Amino acid sequence: MLSQTFIIVNPTGFHVRPTKSFVQTASTFPCKVNVINKGKKVNGKSSLSMLTLGIAANEEVTLEIDGEQELQALNALGKLLTDIHE
C-alpha cells in the first residue's frame, strides 16, 4: 500500500468538475483508492463519496492506494489533486 498527502491548490476547492475527473481516472486503475480528509476516509472511485468530503482550498488530502498499478495511480491521482481546475 502506498500513501501520500497532497495540498489542494485550486482556489475553489475540489468541487464537482475535478471530482468527476478524479473518479474517472481512479476507475481506470485496478487498485483500491481511498481518500482521507479531516479524518474521514472514502472510496476514491465514488463521486458521491468524494463530494461528501467537502474538500476546500489549501486542505490536506491523503491518498491511500493498494493493489496493482498503485504507483501509477498515486502519480496520476496526486497530479489531479494538485492541479488548478476551473
Protein backbone atom coordinates (compact mmCIF):
# COMPACT_ATOMS: atom_id res chain seq x y z
CA MET A 1 0.00 0.00 0.00
CA LEU A 2 1.17 3.49 -0.87
CA SER A 3 0.10 6.65 0.94
CA GLN A 4 0.85 10.30 0.27
CA THR A 5 -0.58 13.63 1.39
CA PHE A 6 -1.32 16.46 -1.04
CA ILE A 7 -2.42 20.09 -0.64
CA ILE A 8 -5.43 21.23 -2.70
CA VAL A 9 -4.29 24.36 -4.57
CA ASN A 10 -7.46 25.03 -6.54
CA PRO A 11 -8.90 28.26 -5.06
CA THR A 12 -12.44 26.87 -5.23
CA GLY A 13 -11.51 23.54 -3.64
CA PHE A 14 -12.30 20.13 -5.03
CA HIS A 15 -15.75 20.64 -6.48
CA VAL A 16 -17.87 18.64 -8.97
CA ARG A 17 -15.74 19.00 -12.11
CA PRO A 18 -12.39 17.98 -10.60
CA THR A 19 -14.14 15.25 -8.61
CA LYS A 20 -15.56 13.80 -11.83
CA SER A 21 -12.09 13.77 -13.44
CA PHE A 22 -10.58 12.21 -10.31
CA VAL A 23 -13.18 9.42 -10.12
CA GLN A 24 -12.94 8.67 -13.84
CA THR A 25 -9.16 8.40 -13.60
CA ALA A 26 -9.26 6.37 -10.38
CA SER A 27 -11.68 3.93 -12.01
CA THR A 28 -9.15 3.12 -14.75
CA PHE A 29 -6.81 1.51 -12.21
CA PRO A 30 -7.39 -1.99 -10.80
CA CYS A 31 -6.27 -0.98 -7.29
CA LYS A 32 -8.25 0.29 -4.29
CA VAL A 33 -8.24 4.07 -3.91
CA ASN A 34 -9.12 5.72 -0.60
CA VAL A 35 -9.16 9.46 0.00
CA ILE A 36 -8.82 10.86 3.52
CA ASN A 37 -9.73 14.43 4.53
CA LYS A 38 -10.26 15.71 8.08
CA GLY A 39 -10.21 12.16 9.45
CA LYS A 40 -12.89 10.87 7.08
CA LYS A 41 -11.94 8.09 4.63
CA VAL A 42 -13.96 7.44 1.46
CA ASN A 43 -13.77 5.37 -1.71
CA GLY A 44 -11.97 7.48 -4.33
CA LYS A 45 -13.87 5.72 -7.11
CA SER A 46 -17.24 7.11 -5.94
CA SER A 47 -18.25 10.65 -6.92
CA LEU A 48 -20.85 10.89 -4.19
CA SER A 49 -18.41 9.73 -1.53
CA MET A 50 -15.78 12.17 -2.74
CA LEU A 51 -18.21 15.10 -2.70
CA THR A 52 -19.19 14.33 0.91
CA LEU A 53 -15.65 15.25 1.95
CA GLY A 54 -16.24 18.90 1.02
CA ILE A 55 -12.56 19.44 0.23
CA ALA A 56 -11.68 23.14 0.30
CA ALA A 57 -8.66 25.05 -0.99
CA ASN A 58 -5.42 24.62 0.97
CA GLU A 59 -6.65 21.50 2.75
CA GLU A 60 -4.56 18.37 3.10
CA VAL A 61 -5.84 15.23 1.41
CA THR A 62 -4.22 11.84 1.83
CA LEU A 63 -4.40 9.15 -0.84
CA GLU A 64 -4.12 5.50 0.17
CA ILE A 65 -3.71 3.21 -2.81
CA ASP A 66 -3.43 -0.55 -2.59
CA GLY A 67 -3.08 -3.15 -5.33
CA GLU A 68 -1.94 -3.43 -8.91
CA GLN A 69 -0.53 -0.29 -10.55
CA GLU A 70 -0.57 1.57 -7.24
CA LEU A 71 2.42 3.77 -8.09
CA GLN A 72 0.93 4.80 -11.44
CA ALA A 73 -2.40 5.52 -9.74
CA LEU A 74 -0.74 7.57 -6.99
CA ASN A 75 1.13 9.69 -9.53
CA ALA A 76 -1.90 10.29 -11.78
CA LEU A 77 -4.35 11.00 -8.96
CA GLY A 78 -1.91 13.14 -7.00
CA LYS A 79 -1.49 15.32 -10.06
CA LEU A 80 -5.26 15.77 -10.29
CA LEU A 81 -5.45 16.79 -6.63
CA THR A 82 -2.82 19.46 -7.07
CA ASP A 83 -3.98 20.85 -10.43
CA ILE A 84 -5.95 24.07 -10.64
CA HIS A 85 -9.36 23.38 -12.17
CA GLU A 86 -11.85 25.97 -13.27
